[in-house]
C-alpha atoms as a PDB file:
ATOM      1  CA  MET A   1    -151.548 191.674 235.007  1.00  0.00           C
ATOM      2  CA  VAL A   2    -150.434 190.154 231.691  1.00  0.00           C
ATOM      3  CA  THR A   3    -151.856 186.741 230.911  1.00  0.00           C
ATOM      4  CA  GLN A   4    -149.416 183.946 230.168  1.00  0.00           C
ATOM      5  CA  LYS A   5    -151.317 182.804 227.097  1.00  0.00           C
ATOM      6  CA  LYS A   6    -149.612 184.020 223.947  1.00  0.00           C
ATOM      7  CA  ILE A   7    -152.011 185.632 221.479  1.00  0.00           C
ATOM      8  CA  GLY A   8    -151.330 186.500 217.846  1.00  0.00           C
ATOM      9  CA  VAL A   9    -153.406 189.207 216.191  1.00  0.00           C
ATOM     10  CA  VAL A  10    -153.407 189.379 212.386  1.00  0.00           C
ATOM     11  CA  LEU A  11    -154.730 192.546 210.768  1.00  0.00           C
ATOM     12  CA  PHE A  12    -156.313 191.830 207.379  1.00  0.00           C
ATOM     13  CA  ASN A  13    -156.213 194.669 204.888  1.00  0.00           C
ATOM     14  CA  LEU A  14    -156.411 195.266 201.152  1.00  0.00           C
ATOM     15  CA  GLY A  15    -152.841 196.359 200.513  1.00  0.00           C
ATOM     16  CA  GLY A  16    -151.717 198.913 197.977  1.00  0.00           C
ATOM     17  CA  PRO A  17    -148.878 199.519 195.507  1.00  0.00           C
ATOM     18  CA  ASP A  18    -145.724 200.808 197.201  1.00  0.00           C
ATOM     19  CA  SER A  19    -144.450 202.385 193.963  1.00  0.00           C
ATOM     20  CA  LEU A  20    -145.781 203.351 190.549  1.00  0.00           C
ATOM     21  CA  ASP A  21    -144.163 200.228 189.090  1.00  0.00           C
ATOM     22  CA  ALA A  22    -146.210 198.118 191.499  1.00  0.00           C
ATOM     23  CA  VAL A  23    -149.569 199.443 190.261  1.00  0.00           C
ATOM     24  CA  GLU A  24    -150.053 196.956 187.420  1.00  0.00           C
ATOM     25  CA  PRO A  25    -149.052 193.821 189.386  1.00  0.00           C
ATOM     26  CA  PHE A  26    -151.209 195.021 192.297  1.00  0.00           C
ATOM     27  CA  LEU A  27    -154.203 195.344 189.952  1.00  0.00           C
ATOM     28  CA  PHE A  28    -153.442 191.918 188.496  1.00  0.00           C
ATOM     29  CA  ASN A  29    -153.536 190.365 191.977  1.00  0.00           C
ATOM     30  CA  LEU A  30    -156.849 192.117 192.638  1.00  0.00           C
ATOM     31  CA  PHE A  31    -158.588 190.989 189.464  1.00  0.00           C
ATOM     32  CA  ASN A  32    -157.067 187.509 189.641  1.00  0.00           C
ATOM     33  CA  ASP A  33    -158.872 186.930 192.943  1.00  0.00           C
ATOM     34  CA  PRO A  34    -161.645 184.314 192.530  1.00  0.00           C
ATOM     35  CA  ASP A  35    -163.713 186.246 195.085  1.00  0.00           C
ATOM     36  CA  ILE A  36    -163.573 189.317 192.816  1.00  0.00           C
ATOM     37  CA  ILE A  37    -163.865 187.805 189.324  1.00  0.00           C
ATOM     38  CA  ASN A  38    -166.434 185.083 189.878  1.00  0.00           C
ATOM     39  CA  PHE A  39    -168.931 183.957 187.289  1.00  0.00           C
ATOM     40  CA  PRO A  40    -169.618 180.572 185.616  1.00  0.00           C
ATOM     41  CA  PHE A  41    -166.418 179.069 184.119  1.00  0.00           C
ATOM     42  CA  SER A  42    -164.398 182.199 184.991  1.00  0.00           C
ATOM     43  CA  PHE A  43    -161.643 179.942 186.352  1.00  0.00           C
ATOM     44  CA  LEU A  44    -160.870 178.947 182.765  1.00  0.00           C
ATOM     45  CA  PHE A  45    -159.667 182.411 181.760  1.00  0.00           C
ATOM     46  CA  ARG A  46    -159.512 184.487 184.990  1.00  0.00           C
ATOM     47  CA  LYS A  47    -155.744 184.907 184.779  1.00  0.00           C
ATOM     48  CA  ARG A  48    -155.828 186.149 181.174  1.00  0.00           C
ATOM     49  CA  LEU A  49    -158.720 188.482 181.983  1.00  0.00           C
ATOM     50  CA  ALA A  50    -156.849 189.853 185.014  1.00  0.00           C
ATOM     51  CA  LYS A  51    -153.790 190.540 182.860  1.00  0.00           C
ATOM     52  CA  TYR A  52    -155.917 192.367 180.306  1.00  0.00           C
ATOM     53  CA  ILE A  53    -157.787 194.483 182.875  1.00  0.00           C
ATOM     54  CA  SER A  54    -154.668 195.387 184.865  1.00  0.00           C
ATOM     55  CA  ARG A  55    -152.755 196.347 181.709  1.00  0.00           C
ATOM     56  CA  LYS A  56    -155.648 198.464 180.458  1.00  0.00           C
ATOM     57  CA  ARG A  57    -156.386 200.203 183.773  1.00  0.00           C
ATOM     58  CA  SER A  58    -152.869 200.745 185.108  1.00  0.00           C
ATOM     59  CA  PRO A  59    -151.957 203.926 183.121  1.00  0.00           C
ATOM     60  CA  LYS A  60    -155.005 205.732 184.530  1.00  0.00           C
ATOM     61  CA  ILE A  61    -154.417 204.451 188.062  1.00  0.00           C
ATOM     62  CA  VAL A  62    -150.725 205.374 187.901  1.00  0.00           C
ATOM     63  CA  GLU A  63    -151.723 208.977 187.175  1.00  0.00           C
ATOM     64  CA  GLN A  64    -154.048 208.922 190.187  1.00  0.00           C
ATOM     65  CA  TYR A  65    -151.309 207.635 192.492  1.00  0.00           C
ATOM     66  CA  LYS A  66    -148.970 210.349 191.209  1.00  0.00           C
ATOM     67  CA  GLN A  67    -151.408 212.902 192.647  1.00  0.00           C
ATOM     68  CA  ILE A  68    -151.295 211.397 196.158  1.00  0.00           C
ATOM     69  CA  GLY A  69    -147.541 210.945 196.450  1.00  0.00           C
ATOM     70  CA  GLY A  70    -146.646 208.166 194.000  1.00  0.00           C
ATOM     71  CA  LYS A  71    -147.751 205.219 196.131  1.00  0.00           C
ATOM     72  CA  SER A  72    -150.451 203.975 198.472  1.00  0.00           C
ATOM     73  CA  PRO A  73    -150.150 205.131 202.100  1.00  0.00           C
ATOM     74  CA  LEU A  74    -152.048 202.039 203.252  1.00  0.00           C
ATOM     75  CA  LEU A  75    -149.108 199.962 204.481  1.00  0.00           C
ATOM     76  CA  GLU A  76    -147.602 202.838 206.438  1.00  0.00           C
ATOM     77  CA  LEU A  77    -150.957 203.597 208.063  1.00  0.00           C
ATOM     78  CA  THR A  78    -151.608 199.913 208.810  1.00  0.00           C
ATOM     79  CA  ARG A  79    -148.176 199.642 210.448  1.00  0.00           C
ATOM     80  CA  LYS A  80    -149.062 202.587 212.689  1.00  0.00           C
ATOM     81  CA  GLN A  81    -152.343 200.885 213.586  1.00  0.00           C
ATOM     82  CA  ALA A  82    -150.522 197.625 214.330  1.00  0.00           C
ATOM     83  CA  GLU A  83    -147.926 199.363 216.513  1.00  0.00           C
ATOM     84  CA  ALA A  84    -150.552 201.306 218.459  1.00  0.00           C
ATOM     85  CA  LEU A  85    -152.733 198.218 218.904  1.00  0.00           C
ATOM     86  CA  ASN A  86    -149.735 196.178 220.042  1.00  0.00           C
ATOM     87  CA  ILE A  87    -148.983 198.720 222.785  1.00  0.00           C
ATOM     88  CA  GLU A  88    -152.645 198.945 223.828  1.00  0.00           C
ATOM     89  CA  LEU A  89    -153.119 195.169 224.033  1.00  0.00           C
ATOM     90  CA  ASN A  90    -149.853 194.339 225.773  1.00  0.00           C
ATOM     91  CA  SER A  91    -150.962 196.268 228.834  1.00  0.00           C
ATOM     92  CA  LYS A  92    -153.582 193.540 229.261  1.00  0.00           C
ATOM     93  CA  ILE A  93    -152.449 190.380 227.447  1.00  0.00           C
ATOM     94  CA  ASN A  94    -149.310 188.804 226.021  1.00  0.00           C
ATOM     95  CA  CYS A  95    -149.673 189.333 222.297  1.00  0.00           C
ATOM     96  CA  LYS A  96    -148.052 190.328 219.044  1.00  0.00           C
ATOM     97  CA  VAL A  97    -149.748 192.076 216.098  1.00  0.00           C
ATOM     98  CA  TYR A  98    -149.052 191.250 212.437  1.00  0.00           C
ATOM     99  CA  ILE A  99    -150.235 192.573 209.076  1.00  0.00           C
ATOM    100  CA  ALA A 100    -151.516 190.381 206.221  1.00  0.00           C
ATOM    101  CA  MET A 101    -152.334 192.268 203.027  1.00  0.00           C
ATOM    102  CA  ARG A 102    -154.495 190.676 200.357  1.00  0.00           C
ATOM    103  CA  TYR A 103    -153.105 192.103 197.104  1.00  0.00           C
ATOM    104  CA  TRP A 104    -149.647 193.485 197.909  1.00  0.00           C
ATOM    105  CA  HIS A 105    -146.835 192.995 200.394  1.00  0.00           C
ATOM    106  CA  PRO A 106    -146.774 191.770 203.082  1.00  0.00           C
ATOM    107  CA  PHE A 107    -148.885 188.897 201.773  1.00  0.00           C
ATOM    108  CA  THR A 108    -150.406 186.266 204.050  1.00  0.00           C
ATOM    109  CA  ASP A 109    -147.815 183.662 203.077  1.00  0.00           C
ATOM    110  CA  GLU A 110    -145.011 186.081 204.016  1.00  0.00           C
ATOM    111  CA  ILE A 111    -146.041 186.233 207.678  1.00  0.00           C
ATOM    112  CA  MET A 112    -146.708 182.503 208.192  1.00  0.00           C
ATOM    113  CA  PRO A 113    -143.062 181.596 209.026  1.00  0.00           C
ATOM    114  CA  GLN A 114    -143.065 184.351 211.677  1.00  0.00           C
ATOM    115  CA  LEU A 115    -146.290 183.040 213.188  1.00  0.00           C
ATOM    116  CA  GLU A 116    -144.813 179.523 213.287  1.00  0.00           C
ATOM    117  CA  LYS A 117    -141.781 180.662 215.295  1.00  0.00           C
ATOM    118  CA  GLU A 118    -143.878 182.406 217.937  1.00  0.00           C
ATOM    119  CA  ARG A 119    -145.913 179.323 218.932  1.00  0.00           C
ATOM    120  CA  PHE A 120    -149.096 181.200 219.751  1.00  0.00           C
ATOM    121  CA  ASN A 121    -151.864 179.671 221.854  1.00  0.00           C
ATOM    122  CA  LYS A 122    -154.524 181.497 219.884  1.00  0.00           C
ATOM    123  CA  LEU A 123    -154.844 183.662 216.777  1.00  0.00           C
ATOM    124  CA  ILE A 124    -157.328 186.488 216.263  1.00  0.00           C
ATOM    125  CA  LEU A 125    -157.914 187.466 212.627  1.00  0.00           C
ATOM    126  CA  LEU A 126    -158.976 191.108 212.699  1.00  0.00           C
ATOM    127  CA  PRO A 127    -159.993 192.648 209.356  1.00  0.00           C
ATOM    128  CA  LEU A 128    -159.664 196.396 208.924  1.00  0.00           C
ATOM    129  CA  TYR A 129    -163.063 196.213 207.229  1.00  0.00           C
ATOM    130  CA  PRO A 130    -165.816 196.887 209.810  1.00  0.00           C
ATOM    131  CA  GLN A 131    -168.578 195.609 207.510  1.00  0.00           C
ATOM    132  CA  TYR A 132    -168.527 192.065 206.139  1.00  0.00           C
ATOM    133  CA  SER A 133    -168.444 191.343 202.424  1.00  0.00           C
ATOM    134  CA  VAL A 134    -167.413 188.205 200.600  1.00  0.00           C
ATOM    135  CA  SER A 135    -165.195 190.422 198.418  1.00  0.00           C
ATOM    136  CA  THR A 136    -163.180 191.803 201.365  1.00  0.00           C
ATOM    137  CA  ILE A 137    -163.230 189.849 204.628  1.00  0.00           C
ATOM    138  CA  GLY A 138    -164.401 186.743 202.805  1.00  0.00           C
ATOM    139  CA  SER A 139    -161.549 186.946 200.319  1.00  0.00           C
ATOM    140  CA  SER A 140    -158.918 187.524 203.029  1.00  0.00           C
ATOM    141  CA  LYS A 141    -160.231 184.588 205.060  1.00  0.00           C
ATOM    142  CA  ASN A 142    -160.273 182.318 202.000  1.00  0.00           C
ATOM    143  CA  GLU A 143    -156.658 183.257 201.282  1.00  0.00           C
ATOM    144  CA  TRP A 144    -155.747 182.599 204.920  1.00  0.00           C
ATOM    145  CA  ASP A 145    -157.325 179.143 204.768  1.00  0.00           C
ATOM    146  CA  ARG A 146    -155.490 178.306 201.523  1.00  0.00           C
ATOM    147  CA  ILE A 147    -152.113 179.355 202.928  1.00  0.00           C
ATOM    148  CA  LYS A 148    -152.442 177.944 206.458  1.00  0.00           C
ATOM    149  CA  ASN A 149    -152.942 174.430 205.104  1.00  0.00           C
ATOM    150  CA  LYS A 150    -149.254 174.468 204.149  1.00  0.00           C
ATOM    151  CA  TYR A 151    -148.312 175.016 207.797  1.00  0.00           C
ATOM    152  CA  SER A 152    -149.472 172.247 210.131  1.00  0.00           C
ATOM    153  CA  SER A 153    -148.475 174.175 213.257  1.00  0.00           C
ATOM    154  CA  ILE A 154    -150.635 177.134 212.183  1.00  0.00           C
ATOM    155  CA  LYS A 155    -153.494 174.946 211.036  1.00  0.00           C
ATOM    156  CA  ASN A 156    -153.824 173.452 214.514  1.00  0.00           C
ATOM    157  CA  ILE A 157    -153.853 176.747 216.455  1.00  0.00           C
ATOM    158  CA  GLU A 158    -157.239 177.885 217.719  1.00  0.00           C
ATOM    159  CA  THR A 159    -158.174 180.715 215.365  1.00  0.00           C
ATOM    160  CA  VAL A 160    -161.021 183.217 215.597  1.00  0.00           C
ATOM    161  CA  LEU A 161    -162.160 185.426 212.723  1.00  0.00           C
ATOM    162  CA  VAL A 162    -163.719 188.771 213.637  1.00  0.00           C
ATOM    163  CA  SER A 163    -166.277 188.780 210.849  1.00  0.00           C
ATOM    164  CA  GLU A 164    -167.758 192.227 211.541  1.00  0.00           C
ATOM    165  CA  TYR A 165    -167.843 195.139 213.974  1.00  0.00           C
ATOM    166  CA  PHE A 166    -169.986 197.586 212.030  1.00  0.00           C
ATOM    167  CA  ASN A 167    -171.900 198.775 215.107  1.00  0.00           C
ATOM    168  CA  HIS A 168    -169.276 198.379 217.847  1.00  0.00           C
ATOM    169  CA  PRO A 169    -169.869 201.337 220.206  1.00  0.00           C
ATOM    170  CA  THR A 170    -166.275 202.584 220.384  1.00  0.00           C
ATOM    171  CA  TYR A 171    -165.840 202.271 216.620  1.00  0.00           C
ATOM    172  CA  ILE A 172    -169.001 204.361 216.218  1.00  0.00           C
ATOM    173  CA  ASP A 173    -167.622 206.861 218.748  1.00  0.00           C
ATOM    174  CA  ALA A 174    -164.438 207.173 216.670  1.00  0.00           C
ATOM    175  CA  ILE A 175    -166.471 208.103 213.578  1.00  0.00           C
ATOM    176  CA  VAL A 176    -168.564 210.598 215.567  1.00  0.00           C
ATOM    177  CA  GLU A 177    -165.345 212.162 216.833  1.00  0.00           C
ATOM    178  CA  GLY A 178    -164.029 212.429 213.270  1.00  0.00           C
ATOM    179  CA  ILE A 179    -167.231 214.095 212.050  1.00  0.00           C
ATOM    180  CA  ASN A 180    -167.244 216.624 214.895  1.00  0.00           C
ATOM    181  CA  PHE A 181    -163.572 217.411 214.271  1.00  0.00           C
ATOM    182  CA  THR A 182    -164.153 218.008 210.551  1.00  0.00           C
ATOM    183  CA  LEU A 183    -167.325 220.041 211.103  1.00  0.00           C
ATOM    184  CA  LYS A 184    -165.123 222.662 212.789  1.00  0.00           C
ATOM    185  CA  LYS A 185    -163.666 223.461 209.353  1.00  0.00           C
ATOM    186  CA  PHE A 186    -166.994 225.061 208.443  1.00  0.00           C
ATOM    187  CA  PRO A 187    -167.998 228.514 209.715  1.00  0.00           C
ATOM    188  CA  GLU A 188    -169.959 228.129 212.939  1.00  0.00           C
ATOM    189  CA  ASP A 189    -173.073 229.739 211.495  1.00  0.00           C
ATOM    190  CA  VAL A 190    -173.426 227.112 208.717  1.00  0.00           C
ATOM    191  CA  ARG A 191    -172.524 223.918 210.597  1.00  0.00           C
ATOM    192  CA  ASP A 192    -176.137 223.006 211.302  1.00  0.00           C
ATOM    193  CA  SER A 193    -176.929 223.100 207.574  1.00  0.00           C
ATOM    194  CA  VAL A 194    -173.927 221.083 206.364  1.00  0.00           C
ATOM    195  CA  VAL A 195    -175.000 217.926 204.514  1.00  0.00           C
ATOM    196  CA  LEU A 196    -173.376 214.806 205.982  1.00  0.00           C
ATOM    197  CA  LEU A 197    -172.637 212.661 202.939  1.00  0.00           C
ATOM    198  CA  PHE A 198    -171.586 209.133 203.874  1.00  0.00           C
ATOM    199  CA  SER A 199    -169.692 207.438 201.038  1.00  0.00           C
ATOM    200  CA  ALA A 200    -169.025 203.696 200.944  1.00  0.00           C
ATOM    201  CA  HIS A 201    -167.167 201.515 198.467  1.00  0.00           C
ATOM    202  CA  GLY A 202    -169.752 199.936 196.188  1.00  0.00           C
ATOM    203  CA  THR A 203    -170.201 196.255 195.397  1.00  0.00           C
ATOM    204  CA  PRO A 204    -172.063 194.484 192.588  1.00  0.00           C
ATOM    205  CA  ILE A 205    -175.781 194.184 193.313  1.00  0.00           C
ATOM    206  CA  LYS A 206    -175.561 190.473 192.570  1.00  0.00           C
ATOM    207  CA  LEU A 207    -173.675 190.039 195.860  1.00  0.00           C
ATOM    208  CA  VAL A 208    -176.603 191.545 197.775  1.00  0.00           C
ATOM    209  CA  LYS A 209    -178.984 189.191 195.979  1.00  0.00           C
ATOM    210  CA  MET A 210    -176.724 186.292 196.990  1.00  0.00           C
ATOM    211  CA  GLY A 211    -177.046 187.294 200.648  1.00  0.00           C
ATOM    212  CA  ASP A 212    -173.969 189.453 201.161  1.00  0.00           C
ATOM    213  CA  PRO A 213    -174.724 191.577 204.285  1.00  0.00           C
ATOM    214  CA  TYR A 214    -172.429 194.488 203.365  1.00  0.00           C
ATOM    215  CA  LYS A 215    -175.090 196.980 202.228  1.00  0.00           C
ATOM    216  CA  GLY A 216    -177.298 196.396 205.258  1.00  0.00           C
ATOM    217  CA  GLN A 217    -174.344 196.712 207.630  1.00  0.00           C
ATOM    218  CA  ILE A 218    -173.223 199.980 206.001  1.00  0.00           C
ATOM    219  CA  GLU A 219    -176.736 201.363 206.466  1.00  0.00           C
ATOM    220  CA  GLU A 220    -176.753 200.248 210.102  1.00  0.00           C
ATOM    221  CA  THR A 221    -173.365 201.919 210.707  1.00  0.00           C
ATOM    222  CA  VAL A 222    -174.748 205.189 209.323  1.00  0.00           C
ATOM    223  CA  ARG A 223    -177.854 204.946 211.530  1.00  0.00           C
ATOM    224  CA  SER A 224    -175.701 204.243 214.591  1.00  0.00           C
ATOM    225  CA  VAL A 225    -173.409 207.198 213.862  1.00  0.00           C
ATOM    226  CA  ILE A 226    -176.311 209.626 213.410  1.00  0.00           C
ATOM    227  CA  SER A 227    -177.962 208.403 216.604  1.00  0.00           C
ATOM    228  CA  ARG A 228    -174.770 208.270 218.691  1.00  0.00           C
ATOM    229  CA  GLY A 229    -173.652 211.728 217.565  1.00  0.00           C
ATOM    230  CA  ASP A 230    -177.165 213.174 217.815  1.00  0.00           C
ATOM    231  CA  PHE A 231    -176.614 214.832 214.452  1.00  0.00           C
ATOM    232  CA  LYS A 232    -179.520 216.954 213.250  1.00  0.00           C
ATOM    233  CA  GLN A 233    -178.016 217.811 209.864  1.00  0.00           C
ATOM    234  CA  LYS A 234    -179.394 216.250 206.703  1.00  0.00           C
ATOM    235  CA  HIS A 235    -177.519 213.025 205.969  1.00  0.00           C
ATOM    236  CA  MET A 236    -177.281 210.852 202.845  1.00  0.00           C
ATOM    237  CA  LEU A 237    -175.515 207.642 201.794  1.00  0.00           C
ATOM    238  CA  GLY A 238    -173.863 207.022 198.436  1.00  0.00           C
ATOM    239  CA  PHE A 239    -171.574 204.423 196.867  1.00  0.00           C
ATOM    240  CA  GLN A 240    -168.364 204.904 194.905  1.00  0.00           C
ATOM    241  CA  SER A 241    -165.518 203.136 193.061  1.00  0.00           C
ATOM    242  CA  LYS A 242    -167.590 201.185 190.531  1.00  0.00           C
ATOM    243  CA  VAL A 243    -165.550 198.923 188.244  1.00  0.00           C
ATOM    244  CA  GLY A 244    -166.811 197.034 185.185  1.00  0.00           C
ATOM    245  CA  PRO A 245    -170.180 196.780 183.436  1.00  0.00           C
ATOM    246  CA  GLN A 246    -172.168 195.049 186.200  1.00  0.00           C
ATOM    247  CA  LYS A 247    -174.892 196.923 188.065  1.00  0.00           C
ATOM    248  CA  TRP A 248    -173.499 198.173 191.386  1.00  0.00           C
ATOM    249  CA  LEU A 249    -175.035 199.577 194.549  1.00  0.00           C
ATOM    250  CA  GLU A 250    -176.736 202.936 194.168  1.00  0.00           C
ATOM    251  CA  PRO A 251    -177.140 205.850 194.531  1.00  0.00           C
ATOM    252  CA  LYS A 252    -173.713 206.929 193.351  1.00  0.00           C
ATOM    253  CA  THR A 253    -171.935 209.432 195.562  1.00  0.00           C
ATOM    254  CA  LEU A 254    -171.427 211.718 192.554  1.00  0.00           C
ATOM    255  CA  ASP A 255    -175.149 211.681 191.785  1.00  0.00           C
ATOM    256  CA  ILE A 256    -175.904 212.717 195.364  1.00  0.00           C
ATOM    257  CA  ILE A 257    -173.444 215.614 195.063  1.00  0.00           C
ATOM    258  CA  ASP A 258    -175.355 216.705 191.948  1.00  0.00           C
ATOM    259  CA  GLU A 259    -178.616 216.517 193.891  1.00  0.00           C
ATOM    260  CA  ILE A 260    -177.244 218.559 196.794  1.00  0.00           C
ATOM    261  CA  ALA A 261    -175.854 221.148 194.377  1.00  0.00           C
ATOM    262  CA  LYS A 262    -179.369 221.975 193.134  1.00  0.00           C
ATOM    263  CA  ASP A 263    -179.784 223.982 196.342  1.00  0.00           C
ATOM    264  CA  SER A 264    -177.609 227.089 196.239  1.00  0.00           C
ATOM    265  CA  ASN A 265    -174.664 227.648 198.598  1.00  0.00           C
ATOM    266  CA  GLN A 266    -174.685 224.104 199.967  1.00  0.00           C
ATOM    267  CA  ASN A 267    -171.883 222.742 202.132  1.00  0.00           C
ATOM    268  CA  ILE A 268    -170.877 219.071 202.156  1.00  0.00           C
ATOM    269  CA  LEU A 269    -168.935 216.973 204.640  1.00  0.00           C
ATOM    270  CA  VAL A 270    -168.047 213.587 203.124  1.00  0.00           C
ATOM    271  CA  ILE A 271    -167.592 210.726 205.582  1.00  0.00           C
ATOM    272  CA  PRO A 272    -165.770 207.675 204.094  1.00  0.00           C
ATOM    273  CA  ILE A 273    -167.873 205.198 206.031  1.00  0.00           C
ATOM    274  CA  ALA A 274    -166.497 201.888 204.698  1.00  0.00           C
ATOM    275  CA  PHE A 275    -162.833 202.888 204.988  1.00  0.00           C
ATOM    276  CA  VAL A 276    -160.885 202.998 208.255  1.00  0.00           C
ATOM    277  CA  SER A 277    -157.628 204.094 206.611  1.00  0.00           C
ATOM    278  CA  ASP A 278    -156.895 206.723 203.993  1.00  0.00           C
ATOM    279  CA  HIS A 279    -155.940 205.370 200.584  1.00  0.00           C
ATOM    280  CA  LEU A 280    -156.640 206.012 196.883  1.00  0.00           C
ATOM    281  CA  GLU A 281    -160.438 206.000 197.256  1.00  0.00           C
ATOM    282  CA  THR A 282    -160.393 208.647 200.001  1.00  0.00           C
ATOM    283  CA  LEU A 283    -157.389 210.757 199.026  1.00  0.00           C
ATOM    284  CA  PHE A 284    -157.864 210.834 195.255  1.00  0.00           C
ATOM    285  CA  GLU A 285    -161.404 209.748 194.392  1.00  0.00           C
ATOM    286  CA  ILE A 286    -163.105 211.750 197.145  1.00  0.00           C
ATOM    287  CA  GLY A 287    -160.451 214.301 198.044  1.00  0.00           C
ATOM    288  CA  ILE A 288    -159.521 215.330 194.497  1.00  0.00           C
ATOM    289  CA  GLU A 289    -161.996 213.969 191.937  1.00  0.00           C
ATOM    290  CA  PHE A 290    -165.236 214.421 193.900  1.00  0.00           C
ATOM    291  CA  ARG A 291    -164.044 217.754 195.293  1.00  0.00           C
ATOM    292  CA  LYS A 292    -163.423 219.123 191.801  1.00  0.00           C
ATOM    293  CA  HIS A 293    -166.810 217.831 190.645  1.00  0.00           C
ATOM    294  CA  ALA A 294    -168.530 219.484 193.632  1.00  0.00           C
ATOM    295  CA  GLU A 295    -166.779 222.808 193.018  1.00  0.00           C
ATOM    296  CA  ASN A 296    -167.800 222.719 189.364  1.00  0.00           C
ATOM    297  CA  LYS A 297    -171.393 222.144 190.468  1.00  0.00           C
ATOM    298  CA  GLY A 298    -171.274 225.199 192.718  1.00  0.00           C
ATOM    299  CA  ILE A 299    -170.864 223.570 196.131  1.00  0.00           C
ATOM    300  CA  LYS A 300    -169.709 226.310 198.493  1.00  0.00           C
ATOM    301  CA  GLN A 301    -167.496 224.252 200.838  1.00  0.00           C
ATOM    302  CA  PHE A 302    -166.492 220.608 200.462  1.00  0.00           C
ATOM    303  CA  GLU A 303    -164.664 218.830 203.281  1.00  0.00           C
ATOM    304  CA  VAL A 304    -163.629 215.198 203.758  1.00  0.00           C
ATOM    305  CA  MET A 305    -163.379 213.499 207.133  1.00  0.00           C
ATOM    306  CA  PRO A 306    -159.903 211.933 207.465  1.00  0.00           C
ATOM    307  CA  GLY A 307    -159.734 208.168 207.850  1.00  0.00           C
ATOM    308  CA  LEU A 308    -159.788 206.805 211.385  1.00  0.00           C
ATOM    309  CA  ASN A 309    -156.225 205.611 210.770  1.00  0.00           C
ATOM    310  CA  ASP A 310    -154.496 205.293 214.181  1.00  0.00           C
ATOM    311  CA  SER A 311    -156.803 207.589 216.162  1.00  0.00           C
ATOM    312  CA  PRO A 312    -156.765 206.565 219.858  1.00  0.00           C
ATOM    313  CA  LEU A 313    -160.500 205.878 219.901  1.00  0.00           C
ATOM    314  CA  PHE A 314    -160.277 203.557 216.900  1.00  0.00           C
ATOM    315  CA  ILE A 315    -157.289 201.719 218.384  1.00  0.00           C
ATOM    316  CA  LYS A 316    -159.268 201.379 221.611  1.00  0.00           C
ATOM    317  CA  ALA A 317    -162.134 199.890 219.589  1.00  0.00           C
ATOM    318  CA  LEU A 318    -159.826 197.340 217.952  1.00  0.00           C
ATOM    319  CA  SER A 319    -158.390 196.429 221.358  1.00  0.00           C
ATOM    320  CA  GLU A 320    -161.862 195.878 222.806  1.00  0.00           C
ATOM    321  CA  ILE A 321    -162.808 193.729 219.819  1.00  0.00           C
ATOM    322  CA  VAL A 322    -159.724 191.521 220.282  1.00  0.00           C
ATOM    323  CA  LEU A 323    -160.333 191.139 224.018  1.00  0.00           C
ATOM    324  CA  ASN A 324    -164.009 190.307 223.415  1.00  0.00           C
ATOM    325  CA  ASN A 325    -162.963 187.494 221.076  1.00  0.00           C
ATOM    326  CA  LEU A 326    -160.483 185.804 223.417  1.00  0.00           C
ATOM    327  CA  ASN A 327    -163.124 183.650 225.137  1.00  0.00           C
END
């Protein structure tokens, strides 16, 4: 039976350029975020710094996007997740699912008029980041709070933020399923010796020192996956996507690949553990750049687990998370 209460679910995600021309403005939005560029007095010249960084980095990033189809697949994948979640939830509650991207369309302020018209009884803010960091979920929530203050009807709706679900059982099951599916790409006689290399997006170490729980939650997700899947293979955790001169989380995923390559005829399965959807970091950085590096180092077989994307188990996990946060 469908409840009469009307629930709005807003999926928070990073966003990505929908064309090559959008790469530079997307990067500008990213580096103009006070939760990304944040050091004493940075507000005085953050905008100029963001313009400089985005202009300098965009030619390289454009070339990377060219190799994965000329744009980010993130919006298309997030729409599929939203559609699947909408169907799953509406068998139990009266709800509607929306998408709010942080750095490219549809932005948070673009969905506010739609939310106003619907007159929801409650809003659930559901980030597509299972682990909490001030630079991801924190940034999206800060943007939400800034925008909602312009809309009195939204400001007064009961709103719940799902701040983390890094060890939710069904989410863990979805990852285990993805690993087992990808392991089948290896010959049966080598599967037990495949190295499970978990790769997470890095963050500056200063965030950890300030109390950001991201690193600890990533480590707990990995432990839960290994335990839940009863994996006996050697497993390792690395960090990728470093930007700028600051010291970031280590070890680097590339350094771990080098370490694994010291043993002859090794096989690697990379699990993008901080990403639920495929995008530049999984399709290009891991799927192309890291793969080429591994092959050059003599790795025998290199496979990448696809993102959870709209897999039924992951959608089921999101549905359970929403339902758990209604009361």
